[in-house]
N, C-alpha and C. Protein backbone atom coordinates (compact mmCIF):
# COMPACT_ATOMS: atom_id res chain seq x y z
N GLN A 1 -48.25 -17.51 -61.07
CA GLN A 1 -47.04 -17.36 -60.28
C GLN A 1 -47.10 -16.04 -59.51
N VAL A 2 -46.62 -16.06 -58.29
CA VAL A 2 -46.61 -14.87 -57.44
C VAL A 2 -45.20 -14.32 -57.35
N GLN A 3 -45.08 -13.03 -57.49
CA GLN A 3 -43.79 -12.37 -57.27
C GLN A 3 -43.91 -11.44 -56.08
N LEU A 4 -42.84 -11.36 -55.32
CA LEU A 4 -42.77 -10.43 -54.19
C LEU A 4 -41.86 -9.27 -54.59
N VAL A 5 -42.38 -8.08 -54.46
CA VAL A 5 -41.64 -6.88 -54.85
C VAL A 5 -41.17 -6.15 -53.61
N GLU A 6 -39.86 -5.98 -53.50
CA GLU A 6 -39.26 -5.31 -52.35
C GLU A 6 -38.81 -3.91 -52.73
N SER A 7 -38.76 -3.05 -51.73
CA SER A 7 -38.24 -1.71 -51.94
C SER A 7 -37.70 -1.19 -50.63
N GLY A 8 -36.85 -0.16 -50.71
CA GLY A 8 -36.44 0.55 -49.51
C GLY A 8 -35.01 0.34 -49.07
N GLY A 9 -34.24 -0.48 -49.73
CA GLY A 9 -32.85 -0.65 -49.31
C GLY A 9 -32.02 0.58 -49.66
N GLY A 10 -30.76 0.56 -49.25
CA GLY A 10 -29.88 1.68 -49.57
C GLY A 10 -28.68 1.73 -48.66
N LEU A 11 -28.02 2.88 -48.70
CA LEU A 11 -26.82 3.14 -47.91
C LEU A 11 -27.16 4.13 -46.81
N VAL A 12 -26.75 3.81 -45.59
CA VAL A 12 -27.04 4.68 -44.46
C VAL A 12 -25.86 4.61 -43.48
N GLN A 13 -25.66 5.67 -42.74
CA GLN A 13 -24.61 5.67 -41.73
C GLN A 13 -25.07 4.93 -40.48
N ALA A 14 -24.11 4.43 -39.73
CA ALA A 14 -24.44 3.76 -38.48
C ALA A 14 -25.27 4.68 -37.59
N GLY A 15 -26.30 4.10 -36.98
CA GLY A 15 -27.22 4.86 -36.16
C GLY A 15 -28.43 5.37 -36.92
N GLY A 16 -28.39 5.26 -38.23
CA GLY A 16 -29.49 5.73 -39.05
C GLY A 16 -30.61 4.72 -39.17
N SER A 17 -31.60 5.05 -40.02
CA SER A 17 -32.79 4.22 -40.18
C SER A 17 -33.09 3.97 -41.65
N LEU A 18 -33.70 2.84 -41.90
CA LEU A 18 -34.24 2.51 -43.21
C LEU A 18 -35.54 1.74 -43.02
N ARG A 19 -36.39 1.80 -44.02
CA ARG A 19 -37.64 1.05 -43.98
C ARG A 19 -37.75 0.23 -45.25
N LEU A 20 -37.91 -1.07 -45.09
CA LEU A 20 -38.08 -1.97 -46.22
C LEU A 20 -39.56 -2.31 -46.36
N SER A 21 -40.00 -2.48 -47.60
CA SER A 21 -41.38 -2.86 -47.86
C SER A 21 -41.43 -4.04 -48.82
N CYS A 22 -42.50 -4.80 -48.72
CA CYS A 22 -42.67 -5.99 -49.56
C CYS A 22 -44.14 -6.13 -49.89
N ALA A 23 -44.43 -6.40 -51.17
CA ALA A 23 -45.81 -6.59 -51.59
C ALA A 23 -45.88 -7.67 -52.67
N PRO A 24 -46.90 -8.51 -52.66
CA PRO A 24 -47.05 -9.53 -53.70
C PRO A 24 -47.59 -8.90 -54.98
N SER A 25 -47.34 -9.56 -56.10
CA SER A 25 -47.75 -9.03 -57.40
C SER A 25 -49.23 -9.24 -57.67
N LYS A 26 -49.88 -10.10 -56.86
CA LYS A 26 -51.31 -10.31 -57.02
C LYS A 26 -51.91 -10.60 -55.65
N LYS A 27 -53.22 -10.45 -55.57
CA LYS A 27 -53.89 -10.71 -54.29
C LYS A 27 -53.93 -12.21 -54.08
N ILE A 28 -53.48 -12.62 -52.92
CA ILE A 28 -53.36 -14.04 -52.64
C ILE A 28 -53.40 -14.24 -51.14
N SER A 29 -53.83 -15.41 -50.70
CA SER A 29 -53.84 -15.70 -49.26
C SER A 29 -52.42 -15.93 -48.78
N ILE A 30 -52.06 -15.24 -47.70
CA ILE A 30 -50.71 -15.32 -47.16
C ILE A 30 -50.78 -15.71 -45.69
N ASN A 31 -49.95 -16.62 -45.29
CA ASN A 31 -49.85 -17.03 -43.90
C ASN A 31 -48.69 -16.25 -43.27
N THR A 32 -47.58 -16.86 -43.11
CA THR A 32 -46.43 -16.20 -42.51
C THR A 32 -45.72 -15.30 -43.53
N MET A 33 -45.26 -14.15 -43.06
CA MET A 33 -44.38 -13.29 -43.85
C MET A 33 -43.12 -13.05 -43.02
N ALA A 34 -42.01 -12.91 -43.69
CA ALA A 34 -40.76 -12.77 -42.94
C ALA A 34 -39.71 -12.03 -43.76
N TRP A 35 -38.73 -11.51 -43.04
CA TRP A 35 -37.54 -10.93 -43.65
C TRP A 35 -36.35 -11.79 -43.28
N TYR A 36 -35.55 -12.10 -44.27
CA TYR A 36 -34.30 -12.79 -44.08
C TYR A 36 -33.18 -11.88 -44.59
N ARG A 37 -31.95 -12.19 -44.19
CA ARG A 37 -30.82 -11.44 -44.73
C ARG A 37 -29.64 -12.37 -44.93
N GLN A 38 -28.80 -11.98 -45.86
CA GLN A 38 -27.59 -12.75 -46.13
C GLN A 38 -26.43 -11.80 -46.35
N ALA A 39 -25.46 -11.89 -45.47
CA ALA A 39 -24.24 -11.08 -45.59
C ALA A 39 -23.21 -11.88 -46.39
N PRO A 40 -22.25 -11.20 -47.00
CA PRO A 40 -21.23 -11.89 -47.79
C PRO A 40 -20.51 -12.97 -46.98
N GLY A 41 -20.45 -14.17 -47.53
CA GLY A 41 -19.76 -15.26 -46.87
C GLY A 41 -20.52 -15.91 -45.74
N LYS A 42 -21.76 -15.50 -45.54
CA LYS A 42 -22.55 -16.06 -44.43
C LYS A 42 -23.82 -16.70 -44.96
N GLN A 43 -24.42 -17.55 -44.13
CA GLN A 43 -25.68 -18.17 -44.51
C GLN A 43 -26.83 -17.20 -44.34
N ARG A 44 -27.88 -17.43 -45.09
CA ARG A 44 -29.08 -16.61 -44.95
C ARG A 44 -29.68 -16.88 -43.58
N GLU A 45 -30.09 -15.80 -42.90
CA GLU A 45 -30.66 -15.93 -41.56
C GLU A 45 -31.99 -15.21 -41.47
N LEU A 46 -32.85 -15.72 -40.61
CA LEU A 46 -34.13 -15.09 -40.34
C LEU A 46 -33.90 -13.83 -39.51
N VAL A 47 -34.48 -12.73 -39.94
CA VAL A 47 -34.39 -11.49 -39.19
C VAL A 47 -35.64 -11.28 -38.33
N ALA A 48 -36.80 -11.39 -38.96
CA ALA A 48 -38.06 -11.19 -38.25
C ALA A 48 -39.17 -11.85 -39.04
N SER A 49 -40.21 -12.27 -38.33
CA SER A 49 -41.35 -12.88 -39.00
C SER A 49 -42.64 -12.41 -38.34
N THR A 50 -43.72 -12.51 -39.10
CA THR A 50 -45.03 -12.14 -38.58
C THR A 50 -46.06 -13.12 -39.12
N ALA A 51 -46.86 -13.68 -38.21
CA ALA A 51 -47.91 -14.60 -38.60
C ALA A 51 -49.17 -13.82 -38.97
N SER A 52 -50.10 -14.48 -39.63
CA SER A 52 -51.32 -13.80 -40.07
C SER A 52 -52.12 -13.28 -38.89
N GLY A 53 -52.00 -13.92 -37.73
CA GLY A 53 -52.71 -13.48 -36.55
C GLY A 53 -52.05 -12.33 -35.83
N GLY A 54 -50.84 -11.95 -36.26
CA GLY A 54 -50.17 -10.78 -35.68
C GLY A 54 -48.96 -11.09 -34.83
N ALA A 55 -48.75 -12.35 -34.47
CA ALA A 55 -47.58 -12.69 -33.65
C ALA A 55 -46.30 -12.39 -34.42
N THR A 56 -45.31 -11.87 -33.72
CA THR A 56 -44.04 -11.52 -34.34
C THR A 56 -42.89 -12.23 -33.64
N ASN A 57 -41.79 -12.34 -34.38
CA ASN A 57 -40.61 -13.01 -33.84
C ASN A 57 -39.39 -12.31 -34.43
N TYR A 58 -38.37 -12.10 -33.59
CA TYR A 58 -37.16 -11.41 -34.04
C TYR A 58 -35.92 -12.21 -33.65
N THR A 59 -34.91 -12.14 -34.48
CA THR A 59 -33.64 -12.68 -34.08
C THR A 59 -33.05 -11.76 -33.01
N GLU A 60 -32.29 -12.33 -32.10
CA GLU A 60 -31.84 -11.61 -30.91
C GLU A 60 -31.09 -10.31 -31.26
N SER A 61 -30.30 -10.33 -32.30
CA SER A 61 -29.44 -9.19 -32.60
C SER A 61 -30.20 -7.94 -33.07
N VAL A 62 -31.47 -8.08 -33.43
CA VAL A 62 -32.22 -6.91 -33.91
C VAL A 62 -33.34 -6.51 -32.96
N LYS A 63 -33.52 -7.25 -31.89
CA LYS A 63 -34.60 -6.92 -30.95
C LYS A 63 -34.39 -5.52 -30.38
N GLY A 64 -35.47 -4.75 -30.35
CA GLY A 64 -35.41 -3.40 -29.84
C GLY A 64 -35.00 -2.37 -30.88
N ARG A 65 -34.52 -2.84 -32.03
CA ARG A 65 -34.08 -1.91 -33.09
C ARG A 65 -34.95 -2.03 -34.35
N PHE A 66 -35.39 -3.23 -34.66
CA PHE A 66 -36.20 -3.47 -35.86
C PHE A 66 -37.65 -3.74 -35.46
N THR A 67 -38.57 -3.31 -36.32
CA THR A 67 -39.99 -3.57 -36.10
C THR A 67 -40.61 -4.08 -37.39
N ILE A 68 -41.20 -5.27 -37.33
CA ILE A 68 -41.88 -5.83 -38.49
C ILE A 68 -43.37 -5.55 -38.37
N SER A 69 -44.00 -5.24 -39.48
CA SER A 69 -45.43 -4.98 -39.47
C SER A 69 -46.03 -5.46 -40.78
N ARG A 70 -47.33 -5.70 -40.76
CA ARG A 70 -48.00 -6.13 -41.99
C ARG A 70 -49.40 -5.55 -42.04
N ASP A 71 -49.88 -5.37 -43.25
CA ASP A 71 -51.24 -4.92 -43.50
C ASP A 71 -51.94 -6.08 -44.18
N ASN A 72 -52.77 -6.80 -43.43
CA ASN A 72 -53.41 -8.00 -43.98
C ASN A 72 -54.38 -7.66 -45.11
N ALA A 73 -54.97 -6.50 -45.06
CA ALA A 73 -55.92 -6.11 -46.11
C ALA A 73 -55.20 -5.90 -47.44
N LYS A 74 -53.98 -5.38 -47.37
CA LYS A 74 -53.22 -5.11 -48.58
C LYS A 74 -52.16 -6.18 -48.86
N ASN A 75 -52.00 -7.11 -47.90
CA ASN A 75 -50.97 -8.16 -48.03
C ASN A 75 -49.57 -7.59 -48.13
N THR A 76 -49.34 -6.46 -47.52
CA THR A 76 -48.00 -5.86 -47.55
C THR A 76 -47.32 -6.03 -46.20
N MET A 77 -46.01 -5.94 -46.23
CA MET A 77 -45.20 -6.11 -45.02
C MET A 77 -44.09 -5.07 -45.05
N SER A 78 -43.72 -4.59 -43.87
CA SER A 78 -42.63 -3.62 -43.77
C SER A 78 -41.67 -4.03 -42.66
N LEU A 79 -40.47 -3.53 -42.77
CA LEU A 79 -39.47 -3.71 -41.72
C LEU A 79 -38.85 -2.36 -41.44
N GLN A 80 -39.16 -1.79 -40.29
CA GLN A 80 -38.55 -0.53 -39.86
C GLN A 80 -37.27 -0.86 -39.13
N MET A 81 -36.17 -0.34 -39.64
CA MET A 81 -34.86 -0.64 -39.06
C MET A 81 -34.26 0.64 -38.52
N ASP A 82 -34.11 0.69 -37.21
CA ASP A 82 -33.53 1.85 -36.54
C ASP A 82 -32.21 1.48 -35.88
N ALA A 83 -31.46 2.49 -35.51
CA ALA A 83 -30.16 2.28 -34.84
C ALA A 83 -29.33 1.24 -35.59
N LEU A 84 -29.24 1.41 -36.89
CA LEU A 84 -28.55 0.44 -37.72
C LEU A 84 -27.06 0.38 -37.39
N LYS A 85 -26.52 -0.83 -37.51
CA LYS A 85 -25.11 -1.07 -37.23
C LYS A 85 -24.44 -1.62 -38.50
N PRO A 86 -23.13 -1.44 -38.62
CA PRO A 86 -22.43 -2.00 -39.79
C PRO A 86 -22.68 -3.51 -39.98
N GLU A 87 -22.86 -4.22 -38.88
CA GLU A 87 -23.10 -5.67 -38.98
C GLU A 87 -24.49 -6.01 -39.52
N ASP A 88 -25.33 -5.00 -39.70
CA ASP A 88 -26.63 -5.23 -40.34
C ASP A 88 -26.52 -5.23 -41.87
N THR A 89 -25.34 -4.89 -42.38
CA THR A 89 -25.14 -4.87 -43.82
C THR A 89 -25.36 -6.25 -44.41
N ALA A 90 -26.25 -6.32 -45.40
CA ALA A 90 -26.60 -7.60 -46.02
C ALA A 90 -27.60 -7.35 -47.14
N VAL A 91 -27.88 -8.39 -47.89
CA VAL A 91 -29.01 -8.37 -48.81
C VAL A 91 -30.21 -8.90 -48.03
N TYR A 92 -31.28 -8.13 -48.02
CA TYR A 92 -32.48 -8.49 -47.27
C TYR A 92 -33.53 -9.05 -48.24
N TYR A 93 -34.11 -10.18 -47.85
CA TYR A 93 -35.09 -10.87 -48.68
C TYR A 93 -36.44 -10.96 -47.97
N CYS A 94 -37.47 -10.68 -48.71
CA CYS A 94 -38.83 -10.86 -48.25
C CYS A 94 -39.27 -12.29 -48.56
N MET A 95 -39.97 -12.91 -47.62
CA MET A 95 -40.53 -14.25 -47.84
C MET A 95 -41.99 -14.23 -47.43
N ALA A 96 -42.83 -14.89 -48.22
CA ALA A 96 -44.24 -15.01 -47.88
C ALA A 96 -44.70 -16.43 -48.17
N ARG A 97 -45.40 -17.02 -47.22
CA ARG A 97 -45.98 -18.36 -47.40
C ARG A 97 -47.38 -18.16 -47.97
N CYS A 98 -47.55 -18.48 -49.24
CA CYS A 98 -48.77 -18.16 -49.98
C CYS A 98 -49.54 -19.42 -50.35
N TRP A 99 -50.86 -19.23 -50.43
CA TRP A 99 -51.73 -20.33 -50.87
C TRP A 99 -51.88 -20.21 -52.39
N TYR A 100 -51.31 -21.22 -53.09
CA TYR A 100 -51.41 -21.25 -54.56
C TYR A 100 -51.72 -22.68 -54.95
N GLY A 101 -52.82 -23.18 -54.39
CA GLY A 101 -53.16 -24.58 -54.57
C GLY A 101 -52.62 -25.42 -53.42
N THR A 102 -51.54 -24.96 -52.86
CA THR A 102 -50.94 -25.51 -51.66
C THR A 102 -50.13 -24.39 -51.03
N TRP A 103 -49.73 -24.55 -49.78
CA TRP A 103 -48.91 -23.50 -49.16
C TRP A 103 -47.49 -23.61 -49.70
N GLU A 104 -46.99 -22.51 -50.24
CA GLU A 104 -45.64 -22.47 -50.78
C GLU A 104 -44.94 -21.20 -50.34
N ASP A 105 -43.63 -21.29 -50.17
CA ASP A 105 -42.83 -20.12 -49.81
C ASP A 105 -42.35 -19.41 -51.07
N TYR A 106 -42.62 -18.11 -51.13
CA TYR A 106 -42.15 -17.29 -52.24
C TYR A 106 -41.16 -16.26 -51.71
N TRP A 107 -40.20 -15.90 -52.56
CA TRP A 107 -39.12 -15.01 -52.15
C TRP A 107 -39.04 -13.80 -53.08
N GLY A 108 -38.67 -12.68 -52.48
CA GLY A 108 -38.37 -11.50 -53.27
C GLY A 108 -36.98 -11.59 -53.86
N GLN A 109 -36.63 -10.59 -54.67
CA GLN A 109 -35.35 -10.62 -55.37
C GLN A 109 -34.20 -10.15 -54.49
N GLY A 110 -34.52 -9.56 -53.36
CA GLY A 110 -33.50 -9.07 -52.44
C GLY A 110 -33.22 -7.60 -52.65
N THR A 111 -32.95 -6.92 -51.55
CA THR A 111 -32.59 -5.51 -51.61
C THR A 111 -31.38 -5.28 -50.70
N GLN A 112 -30.41 -4.54 -51.21
CA GLN A 112 -29.15 -4.33 -50.49
C GLN A 112 -29.31 -3.26 -49.42
N VAL A 113 -28.86 -3.59 -48.22
CA VAL A 113 -28.77 -2.62 -47.12
C VAL A 113 -27.30 -2.54 -46.73
N THR A 114 -26.76 -1.34 -46.80
CA THR A 114 -25.36 -1.12 -46.44
C THR A 114 -25.28 -0.06 -45.36
N VAL A 115 -24.66 -0.40 -44.25
CA VAL A 115 -24.51 0.52 -43.13
C VAL A 115 -23.03 0.84 -42.97
N SER A 116 -22.69 2.10 -43.14
CA SER A 116 -21.29 2.52 -43.03
C SER A 116 -20.98 2.97 -41.61
N SER A 117 -19.75 2.76 -41.21
CA SER A 117 -19.35 3.12 -39.84
C SER A 117 -18.82 4.54 -39.77
């Protein structure tokens, strides 16, 4: 079984920055990696994703403020979040599509990001 370990959440004032990181518990082949978030009372939404070849995708509300990156050699992924807004407050989840006999999506436990106004 693969576990995804997240770190880097916390409390920050509006306009500030945070960096989230995600790493699998064992070395494994990974295709797509992504960050999702879920705010209270809302559905989980895709924030940003990165394919193994390097292509990235962002939801419109974070374009120009968030940067997703990955280290394929280490199988790690980060999300640099700048110019944070109160509406970015949510639990952020790491997702990785891993090869474990078949391609399966694995999720981290979630890390809280709170942006105060």
